[in-house]
Every structure is written in C-alpha cells, then in structure tokens.
Amino acid sequence: MEAYKNSYTENEDRLLWELHEIRHRLHKKRKNKTIQEINREALKKYSEWKKERENRLLT
C-alpha cells in the first residue's frame, strides 16, 4: 500500500480520518507480507465468513 499525505484533519472530516486510520493499521499489519500471503489470508477469511453465513441461513 502506498503512503499518502492527508489533506484534512480529524476535526474537518471524521469519516475520512477513520478511513485513514484503518488504512494505516492495515499497512502496518501487511507491510512485511507478500501478495500471496495477503491473498491466502483473505481467501481463508472469506471461506470462514461464507461457511458462517450458510450455517446461519440453514438454522
């Protein structure tokens, strides 16, 4: 993920600021991972979410 400079403050736009914070946390979490590792984790999370959703629909 590429670094970028904010042109707004938290007080000016709280939603954009929160998005900035989320992107920053994701960048810190993923900066040492390969694309393959990131994709593998994403597919695992999606698969777990899909199973959970299917289980909820069946009950």
C-alpha atoms as a PDB file:
ATOM      1  CA  MET A   1       0.000   0.000   0.000  1.00  0.00           C
ATOM      2  CA  GLU A   2       1.398   3.337  -0.964  1.00  0.00           C
ATOM      3  CA  ALA A   3       1.928   6.056   1.644  1.00  0.00           C
ATOM      4  CA  TYR A   4      -0.025   9.264   1.149  1.00  0.00           C
ATOM      5  CA  LYS A   5      -0.332  12.630   2.806  1.00  0.00           C
ATOM      6  CA  ASN A   6      -3.594  13.710   4.426  1.00  0.00           C
ATOM      7  CA  SER A   7      -5.057  16.987   3.295  1.00  0.00           C
ATOM      8  CA  TYR A   8      -7.600  17.069   6.107  1.00  0.00           C
ATOM      9  CA  THR A   9      -7.669  16.864   9.875  1.00  0.00           C
ATOM     10  CA  GLU A  10      -9.740  14.709  12.183  1.00  0.00           C
ATOM     11  CA  ASN A  11     -11.940  17.685  13.042  1.00  0.00           C
ATOM     12  CA  GLU A  12     -12.611  18.504   9.375  1.00  0.00           C
ATOM     13  CA  ASP A  13     -13.841  15.095   8.331  1.00  0.00           C
ATOM     14  CA  ARG A  14     -14.153  12.307  10.889  1.00  0.00           C
ATOM     15  CA  LEU A  15     -15.156   9.636   8.349  1.00  0.00           C
ATOM     16  CA  LEU A  16     -12.143  10.267   6.104  1.00  0.00           C
ATOM     17  CA  TRP A  17      -9.946  10.360   9.172  1.00  0.00           C
ATOM     18  CA  GLU A  18     -11.251   6.989  10.349  1.00  0.00           C
ATOM     19  CA  LEU A  19     -10.636   5.526   6.878  1.00  0.00           C
ATOM     20  CA  HIS A  20      -7.100   6.887   7.052  1.00  0.00           C
ATOM     21  CA  GLU A  21      -6.575   5.197  10.431  1.00  0.00           C
ATOM     22  CA  ILE A  22      -7.912   1.872   9.144  1.00  0.00           C
ATOM     23  CA  ARG A  23      -5.651   2.016   6.072  1.00  0.00           C
ATOM     24  CA  HIS A  24      -2.698   2.882   8.278  1.00  0.00           C
ATOM     25  CA  ARG A  25      -3.323  -0.125  10.560  1.00  0.00           C
ATOM     26  CA  LEU A  26      -3.700  -2.430   7.547  1.00  0.00           C
ATOM     27  CA  HIS A  27      -0.468  -1.125   6.070  1.00  0.00           C
ATOM     28  CA  LYS A  28       1.434  -1.735   9.315  1.00  0.00           C
ATOM     29  CA  LYS A  29      -0.045  -5.230   9.570  1.00  0.00           C
ATOM     30  CA  ARG A  30       0.728  -6.194   5.967  1.00  0.00           C
ATOM     31  CA  LYS A  31       3.912  -4.322   5.077  1.00  0.00           C
ATOM     32  CA  ASN A  32       6.150  -7.375   5.526  1.00  0.00           C
ATOM     33  CA  LYS A  33       3.838  -9.868   3.811  1.00  0.00           C
ATOM     34  CA  THR A  34       3.879 -10.987   0.215  1.00  0.00           C
ATOM     35  CA  ILE A  35       0.874 -10.619  -2.064  1.00  0.00           C
ATOM     36  CA  GLN A  36       0.435 -14.380  -1.925  1.00  0.00           C
ATOM     37  CA  GLU A  37       0.297 -14.352   1.890  1.00  0.00           C
ATOM     38  CA  ILE A  38      -2.219 -11.500   1.903  1.00  0.00           C
ATOM     39  CA  ASN A  39      -4.380 -13.264  -0.692  1.00  0.00           C
ATOM     40  CA  ARG A  40      -4.200 -16.575   1.191  1.00  0.00           C
ATOM     41  CA  GLU A  41      -5.370 -14.895   4.398  1.00  0.00           C
ATOM     42  CA  ALA A  42      -8.163 -13.088   2.547  1.00  0.00           C
ATOM     43  CA  LEU A  43      -9.396 -16.316   0.955  1.00  0.00           C
ATOM     44  CA  LYS A  44      -9.334 -18.043   4.340  1.00  0.00           C
ATOM     45  CA  LYS A  45     -11.377 -15.241   5.947  1.00  0.00           C
ATOM     46  CA  TYR A  46     -13.835 -15.255   3.042  1.00  0.00           C
ATOM     47  CA  SER A  47     -14.251 -19.023   3.269  1.00  0.00           C
ATOM     48  CA  GLU A  48     -14.902 -18.822   7.029  1.00  0.00           C
ATOM     49  CA  TRP A  49     -17.387 -15.989   6.522  1.00  0.00           C
ATOM     50  CA  LYS A  50     -19.180 -17.935   3.782  1.00  0.00           C
ATOM     51  CA  LYS A  51     -19.483 -21.067   5.966  1.00  0.00           C
ATOM     52  CA  GLU A  52     -20.776 -19.000   8.882  1.00  0.00           C
ATOM     53  CA  ARG A  53     -23.318 -17.287   6.640  1.00  0.00           C
ATOM     54  CA  GLU A  54     -24.519 -20.605   5.194  1.00  0.00           C
ATOM     55  CA  ASN A  55     -24.900 -22.033   8.710  1.00  0.00           C
ATOM     56  CA  ARG A  56     -26.997 -19.048   9.757  1.00  0.00           C
ATOM     57  CA  LEU A  57     -29.239 -19.418   6.726  1.00  0.00           C
ATOM     58  CA  LEU A  58     -29.811 -23.099   7.455  1.00  0.00           C
ATOM     59  CA  THR A  59     -30.909 -22.538  11.044  1.00  0.00           C
END
